Amino acid sequence: MTDKVKKIKNEILSWLLPLAILGVIYITGLHRHMAAGLQKAVVATGIIRPETNLALDGKPPIDYNFKLKSAGGEAVNFEDLKGKVVFMNLWATWCPPCVAEMSDIHDLYESLDREQVAFVMISRDKTFDQAKKYVEKKGYNFPIYQQMEPLPESLSTDGIPTTFVISKDGKIALKKTGIATYNTKAFKEYLQALANS
């Protein structure tokens, strides 16, 4: 065997192990967990924060006329949340950025007065059971929902995660598509200011 052939053979072998490892990671679905873990580390740094703004003048109110299904199977009229600040997050278990920001959102949920701020976590999973099992496994106790009908155009989005904050008078105070850190002092003060307005 010539040196050139040996060199090519060694080069091919040097790439086979990393490719085999990557293949196993992909086939087993571990790549999603790894990506979520890396993104969770980014969330923990607090680098990516939503832009908050209290100026809502001129913004039209959203259409509250739609229904969601709760984890318990009950139909929930979104209209029942009129008069409250609403933190709405659209997410899915197959979405690494969604999974990455979940624990941060759960910590925010645990720290706020739920009489003033309602949490609406809308799963975009193909089956609602998948979302329910995930939340139960993680020990999250915020309410999760599934859409029973399309969301109004003002709340539609092409990407997830997407978070909306809706003011007490039904105006979109914040829309953030992509991962972010929400459990911060500044964001809690922002939600409290909306609740007090």
C-alpha atoms as a PDB file:
ATOM      1  CA  MET A   1       0.000   0.000   0.000  1.00  0.00           C
ATOM      2  CA  THR A   2       1.421   3.339  -0.978  1.00  0.00           C
ATOM      3  CA  ASP A   3       1.855   6.201   1.474  1.00  0.00           C
ATOM      4  CA  LYS A   4      -0.746   8.231  -0.426  1.00  0.00           C
ATOM      5  CA  VAL A   5      -3.380   5.469  -0.065  1.00  0.00           C
ATOM      6  CA  LYS A   6      -2.528   5.027   3.634  1.00  0.00           C
ATOM      7  CA  LYS A   7      -2.879   8.752   4.175  1.00  0.00           C
ATOM      8  CA  ILE A   8      -6.308   8.813   2.476  1.00  0.00           C
ATOM      9  CA  LYS A   9      -7.433   5.750   4.462  1.00  0.00           C
ATOM     10  CA  ASN A  10      -6.331   7.349   7.763  1.00  0.00           C
ATOM     11  CA  GLU A  11      -8.084  10.586   6.811  1.00  0.00           C
ATOM     12  CA  ILE A  12     -11.333   8.730   6.113  1.00  0.00           C
ATOM     13  CA  LEU A  13     -11.077   6.805   9.398  1.00  0.00           C
ATOM     14  CA  SER A  14     -10.418  10.017  11.330  1.00  0.00           C
ATOM     15  CA  TRP A  15     -13.754  11.386  10.086  1.00  0.00           C
ATOM     16  CA  LEU A  16     -15.821   8.233  10.587  1.00  0.00           C
ATOM     17  CA  LEU A  17     -15.902   8.307  14.403  1.00  0.00           C
ATOM     18  CA  PRO A  18     -17.072  11.942  14.715  1.00  0.00           C
ATOM     19  CA  LEU A  19     -19.647  11.387  11.959  1.00  0.00           C
ATOM     20  CA  ALA A  20     -20.878   8.206  13.645  1.00  0.00           C
ATOM     21  CA  ILE A  21     -21.228  10.057  16.973  1.00  0.00           C
ATOM     22  CA  LEU A  22     -23.128  12.907  15.305  1.00  0.00           C
ATOM     23  CA  GLY A  23     -25.337  10.370  13.536  1.00  0.00           C
ATOM     24  CA  VAL A  24     -26.222   8.644  16.817  1.00  0.00           C
ATOM     25  CA  ILE A  25     -26.935  11.997  18.480  1.00  0.00           C
ATOM     26  CA  TYR A  26     -29.248  12.980  15.627  1.00  0.00           C
ATOM     27  CA  ILE A  27     -31.038   9.638  15.309  1.00  0.00           C
ATOM     28  CA  THR A  28     -31.725   9.420  19.055  1.00  0.00           C
ATOM     29  CA  GLY A  29     -33.028  12.999  19.192  1.00  0.00           C
ATOM     30  CA  LEU A  30     -30.333  14.091  21.642  1.00  0.00           C
ATOM     31  CA  HIS A  31     -29.434  16.998  19.375  1.00  0.00           C
ATOM     32  CA  ARG A  32     -32.595  18.808  20.523  1.00  0.00           C
ATOM     33  CA  HIS A  33     -31.647  18.403  24.181  1.00  0.00           C
ATOM     34  CA  MET A  34     -28.096  19.539  23.494  1.00  0.00           C
ATOM     35  CA  ALA A  35     -29.289  22.607  21.580  1.00  0.00           C
ATOM     36  CA  ALA A  36     -31.798  23.428  24.318  1.00  0.00           C
ATOM     37  CA  GLY A  37     -29.066  23.069  26.950  1.00  0.00           C
ATOM     38  CA  LEU A  38     -26.803  25.501  25.120  1.00  0.00           C
ATOM     39  CA  GLN A  39     -29.637  27.971  24.661  1.00  0.00           C
ATOM     40  CA  LYS A  40     -30.637  27.599  28.322  1.00  0.00           C
ATOM     41  CA  ALA A  41     -27.104  28.683  29.228  1.00  0.00           C
ATOM     42  CA  VAL A  42     -27.630  31.784  27.065  1.00  0.00           C
ATOM     43  CA  VAL A  43     -30.946  32.519  28.831  1.00  0.00           C
ATOM     44  CA  ALA A  44     -29.208  32.164  32.204  1.00  0.00           C
ATOM     45  CA  THR A  45     -26.766  34.933  31.264  1.00  0.00           C
ATOM     46  CA  GLY A  46     -29.663  37.383  30.855  1.00  0.00           C
ATOM     47  CA  ILE A  47     -28.095  38.734  27.658  1.00  0.00           C
ATOM     48  CA  ILE A  48     -31.254  38.417  25.542  1.00  0.00           C
ATOM     49  CA  ARG A  49     -34.016  40.509  27.087  1.00  0.00           C
ATOM     50  CA  PRO A  50     -37.318  41.625  25.634  1.00  0.00           C
ATOM     51  CA  GLU A  51     -37.735  45.320  24.910  1.00  0.00           C
ATOM     52  CA  THR A  52     -40.359  46.747  27.230  1.00  0.00           C
ATOM     53  CA  ASN A  53     -42.433  49.813  26.502  1.00  0.00           C
ATOM     54  CA  LEU A  54     -45.346  51.270  28.419  1.00  0.00           C
ATOM     55  CA  ALA A  55     -46.490  53.570  25.579  1.00  0.00           C
ATOM     56  CA  LEU A  56     -49.626  51.899  24.240  1.00  0.00           C
ATOM     57  CA  ASP A  57     -51.384  54.944  22.787  1.00  0.00           C
ATOM     58  CA  GLY A  58     -52.785  54.360  19.327  1.00  0.00           C
ATOM     59  CA  LYS A  59     -52.523  50.584  19.497  1.00  0.00           C
ATOM     60  CA  PRO A  60     -55.788  48.784  18.756  1.00  0.00           C
ATOM     61  CA  PRO A  61     -57.097  46.227  21.263  1.00  0.00           C
ATOM     62  CA  ILE A  62     -56.872  42.549  20.389  1.00  0.00           C
ATOM     63  CA  ASP A  63     -59.843  40.341  19.618  1.00  0.00           C
ATOM     64  CA  TYR A  64     -60.519  38.278  22.774  1.00  0.00           C
ATOM     65  CA  ASN A  65     -63.105  36.134  20.989  1.00  0.00           C
ATOM     66  CA  PHE A  66     -61.376  32.742  20.866  1.00  0.00           C
ATOM     67  CA  LYS A  67     -61.220  29.570  22.926  1.00  0.00           C
ATOM     68  CA  LEU A  68     -58.423  27.431  24.285  1.00  0.00           C
ATOM     69  CA  LYS A  69     -58.439  23.965  25.817  1.00  0.00           C
ATOM     70  CA  SER A  70     -56.865  23.575  29.260  1.00  0.00           C
ATOM     71  CA  ALA A  71     -54.676  20.635  30.315  1.00  0.00           C
ATOM     72  CA  GLY A  72     -57.733  19.301  32.139  1.00  0.00           C
ATOM     73  CA  GLY A  73     -59.734  19.277  28.889  1.00  0.00           C
ATOM     74  CA  GLU A  74     -62.001  22.249  29.695  1.00  0.00           C
ATOM     75  CA  ALA A  75     -62.797  24.936  27.129  1.00  0.00           C
ATOM     76  CA  VAL A  76     -61.506  28.333  28.262  1.00  0.00           C
ATOM     77  CA  ASN A  77     -62.832  31.590  26.840  1.00  0.00           C
ATOM     78  CA  PHE A  78     -59.953  34.006  26.407  1.00  0.00           C
ATOM     79  CA  GLU A  79     -62.480  36.765  27.099  1.00  0.00           C
ATOM     80  CA  ASP A  80     -62.386  35.682  30.752  1.00  0.00           C
ATOM     81  CA  LEU A  81     -58.926  37.281  30.970  1.00  0.00           C
ATOM     82  CA  LYS A  82     -60.125  40.769  30.057  1.00  0.00           C
ATOM     83  CA  GLY A  83     -58.973  43.275  32.646  1.00  0.00           C
ATOM     84  CA  LYS A  84     -55.783  41.343  33.489  1.00  0.00           C
ATOM     85  CA  VAL A  85     -52.259  41.606  32.174  1.00  0.00           C
ATOM     86  CA  VAL A  86     -51.632  38.439  30.135  1.00  0.00           C
ATOM     87  CA  PHE A  87     -48.239  36.804  29.573  1.00  0.00           C
ATOM     88  CA  MET A  88     -48.830  34.550  26.547  1.00  0.00           C
ATOM     89  CA  ASN A  89     -46.154  32.206  25.235  1.00  0.00           C
ATOM     90  CA  LEU A  90     -46.456  29.999  22.146  1.00  0.00           C
ATOM     91  CA  TRP A  91     -44.114  27.028  22.418  1.00  0.00           C
ATOM     92  CA  ALA A  92     -43.562  23.326  21.634  1.00  0.00           C
ATOM     93  CA  THR A  93     -41.578  20.483  23.157  1.00  0.00           C
ATOM     94  CA  TRP A  94     -39.734  19.904  19.845  1.00  0.00           C
ATOM     95  CA  CYS A  95     -38.468  23.515  19.800  1.00  0.00           C
ATOM     96  CA  PRO A  96     -35.039  23.847  21.527  1.00  0.00           C
ATOM     97  CA  PRO A  97     -35.350  27.624  22.169  1.00  0.00           C
ATOM     98  CA  CYS A  98     -38.814  27.057  23.678  1.00  0.00           C
ATOM     99  CA  VAL A  99     -37.491  24.361  25.988  1.00  0.00           C
ATOM    100  CA  ALA A 100     -34.496  26.541  26.869  1.00  0.00           C
ATOM    101  CA  GLU A 101     -36.603  29.443  28.165  1.00  0.00           C
ATOM    102  CA  MET A 102     -39.224  27.314  29.976  1.00  0.00           C
ATOM    103  CA  SER A 103     -37.538  27.161  33.396  1.00  0.00           C
ATOM    104  CA  ASP A 104     -36.977  30.932  33.311  1.00  0.00           C
ATOM    105  CA  ILE A 105     -40.656  31.506  32.486  1.00  0.00           C
ATOM    106  CA  HIS A 106     -41.665  29.084  35.241  1.00  0.00           C
ATOM    107  CA  ASP A 107     -39.541  31.012  37.756  1.00  0.00           C
ATOM    108  CA  LEU A 108     -41.237  34.230  36.609  1.00  0.00           C
ATOM    109  CA  TYR A 109     -44.642  32.601  37.015  1.00  0.00           C
ATOM    110  CA  GLU A 110     -43.789  31.478  40.541  1.00  0.00           C
ATOM    111  CA  SER A 111     -42.689  34.990  41.555  1.00  0.00           C
ATOM    112  CA  LEU A 112     -45.740  36.982  40.396  1.00  0.00           C
ATOM    113  CA  ASP A 113     -49.218  37.667  41.741  1.00  0.00           C
ATOM    114  CA  ARG A 114     -51.453  35.572  39.474  1.00  0.00           C
ATOM    115  CA  GLU A 115     -54.437  37.760  40.306  1.00  0.00           C
ATOM    116  CA  GLN A 116     -52.724  40.563  38.370  1.00  0.00           C
ATOM    117  CA  VAL A 117     -50.846  38.650  35.656  1.00  0.00           C
ATOM    118  CA  ALA A 118     -52.365  35.644  33.900  1.00  0.00           C
ATOM    119  CA  PHE A 119     -50.067  33.129  32.208  1.00  0.00           C
ATOM    120  CA  VAL A 120     -51.251  31.482  29.001  1.00  0.00           C
ATOM    121  CA  MET A 121     -48.737  28.930  27.722  1.00  0.00           C
ATOM    122  CA  ILE A 122     -50.051  27.676  24.362  1.00  0.00           C
ATOM    123  CA  SER A 123     -48.574  24.418  23.118  1.00  0.00           C
ATOM    124  CA  ARG A 124     -47.983  23.997  19.401  1.00  0.00           C
ATOM    125  CA  ASP A 125     -47.206  20.284  19.757  1.00  0.00           C
ATOM    126  CA  LYS A 126     -48.980  17.868  17.444  1.00  0.00           C
ATOM    127  CA  THR A 127     -50.547  16.143  20.435  1.00  0.00           C
ATOM    128  CA  PHE A 128     -51.478  17.948  23.624  1.00  0.00           C
ATOM    129  CA  ASP A 129     -50.545  14.840  25.642  1.00  0.00           C
ATOM    130  CA  GLN A 130     -46.932  15.335  24.619  1.00  0.00           C
ATOM    131  CA  ALA A 131     -46.945  18.867  26.067  1.00  0.00           C
ATOM    132  CA  LYS A 132     -48.737  17.758  29.243  1.00  0.00           C
ATOM    133  CA  LYS A 133     -46.231  14.957  29.845  1.00  0.00           C
ATOM    134  CA  TYR A 134     -43.306  17.329  29.313  1.00  0.00           C
ATOM    135  CA  VAL A 135     -44.637  19.935  31.760  1.00  0.00           C
ATOM    136  CA  GLU A 136     -45.417  17.254  34.346  1.00  0.00           C
ATOM    137  CA  LYS A 137     -41.961  15.689  33.974  1.00  0.00           C
ATOM    138  CA  LYS A 138     -40.287  19.074  34.468  1.00  0.00           C
ATOM    139  CA  GLY A 139     -42.472  19.965  37.464  1.00  0.00           C
ATOM    140  CA  TYR A 140     -43.798  23.169  35.892  1.00  0.00           C
ATOM    141  CA  ASN A 141     -47.131  24.260  37.300  1.00  0.00           C
ATOM    142  CA  PHE A 142     -48.044  27.157  35.020  1.00  0.00           C
ATOM    143  CA  PRO A 143     -51.223  26.548  33.029  1.00  0.00           C
ATOM    144  CA  ILE A 144     -50.794  25.166  29.533  1.00  0.00           C
ATOM    145  CA  TYR A 145     -53.356  25.293  26.770  1.00  0.00           C
ATOM    146  CA  GLN A 146     -54.033  24.082  23.265  1.00  0.00           C
ATOM    147  CA  GLN A 147     -55.779  26.133  20.604  1.00  0.00           C
ATOM    148  CA  MET A 148     -59.348  25.109  19.858  1.00  0.00           C
ATOM    149  CA  GLU A 149     -59.529  27.571  16.988  1.00  0.00           C
ATOM    150  CA  PRO A 150     -57.123  29.930  15.202  1.00  0.00           C
ATOM    151  CA  LEU A 151     -55.757  32.860  17.156  1.00  0.00           C
ATOM    152  CA  PRO A 152     -56.794  36.330  15.998  1.00  0.00           C
ATOM    153  CA  GLU A 153     -54.516  37.880  13.395  1.00  0.00           C
ATOM    154  CA  SER A 154     -52.956  40.257  15.946  1.00  0.00           C
ATOM    155  CA  LEU A 155     -51.682  37.234  17.908  1.00  0.00           C
ATOM    156  CA  SER A 156     -50.556  35.129  14.972  1.00  0.00           C
ATOM    157  CA  THR A 157     -46.901  34.316  14.451  1.00  0.00           C
ATOM    158  CA  ASP A 158     -44.818  32.209  12.120  1.00  0.00           C
ATOM    159  CA  GLY A 159     -42.082  31.421  14.626  1.00  0.00           C
ATOM    160  CA  ILE A 160     -41.830  29.986  18.109  1.00  0.00           C
ATOM    161  CA  PRO A 161     -41.147  30.707  20.819  1.00  0.00           C
ATOM    162  CA  THR A 162     -43.191  33.880  20.624  1.00  0.00           C
ATOM    163  CA  THR A 163     -44.236  35.784  23.711  1.00  0.00           C
ATOM    164  CA  PHE A 164     -46.922  38.433  23.931  1.00  0.00           C
ATOM    165  CA  VAL A 165     -47.718  40.665  26.873  1.00  0.00           C
ATOM    166  CA  ILE A 166     -51.255  42.002  26.662  1.00  0.00           C
ATOM    167  CA  SER A 167     -52.238  44.999  28.771  1.00  0.00           C
ATOM    168  CA  LYS A 168     -55.376  45.152  30.930  1.00  0.00           C
ATOM    169  CA  ASP A 169     -57.141  47.114  28.205  1.00  0.00           C
ATOM    170  CA  GLY A 170     -56.334  44.463  25.590  1.00  0.00           C
ATOM    171  CA  LYS A 171     -53.421  46.080  23.778  1.00  0.00           C
ATOM    172  CA  ILE A 172     -50.256  44.240  22.790  1.00  0.00           C
ATOM    173  CA  ALA A 173     -47.612  45.756  25.029  1.00  0.00           C
ATOM    174  CA  LEU A 174     -44.878  43.364  23.905  1.00  0.00           C
ATOM    175  CA  LYS A 175     -44.236  40.835  21.166  1.00  0.00           C
ATOM    176  CA  LYS A 176     -40.962  38.905  21.275  1.00  0.00           C
ATOM    177  CA  THR A 177     -40.203  36.141  18.790  1.00  0.00           C
ATOM    178  CA  GLY A 178     -37.249  34.020  19.787  1.00  0.00           C
ATOM    179  CA  ILE A 179     -35.604  33.135  23.048  1.00  0.00           C
ATOM    180  CA  ALA A 180     -35.378  35.664  25.891  1.00  0.00           C
ATOM    181  CA  THR A 181     -34.832  36.020  29.616  1.00  0.00           C
ATOM    182  CA  TYR A 182     -38.024  37.125  31.382  1.00  0.00           C
ATOM    183  CA  ASN A 183     -37.353  36.426  35.050  1.00  0.00           C
ATOM    184  CA  THR A 184     -35.547  39.691  35.726  1.00  0.00           C
ATOM    185  CA  LYS A 185     -36.221  42.534  38.127  1.00  0.00           C
ATOM    186  CA  ALA A 186     -36.766  44.956  35.233  1.00  0.00           C
ATOM    187  CA  PHE A 187     -39.306  42.706  33.503  1.00  0.00           C
ATOM    188  CA  LYS A 188     -41.195  42.060  36.760  1.00  0.00           C
ATOM    189  CA  GLU A 189     -41.359  45.831  37.348  1.00  0.00           C
ATOM    190  CA  TYR A 190     -42.628  46.246  33.778  1.00  0.00           C
ATOM    191  CA  LEU A 191     -45.444  43.717  34.339  1.00  0.00           C
ATOM    192  CA  GLN A 192     -46.278  45.340  37.689  1.00  0.00           C
ATOM    193  CA  ALA A 193     -46.444  48.777  36.051  1.00  0.00           C
ATOM    194  CA  LEU A 194     -48.859  47.402  33.448  1.00  0.00           C
ATOM    195  CA  ALA A 195     -50.948  45.787  36.195  1.00  0.00           C
ATOM    196  CA  ASN A 196     -51.075  49.065  38.132  1.00  0.00           C
ATOM    197  CA  SER A 197     -51.999  51.236  35.126  1.00  0.00           C
END
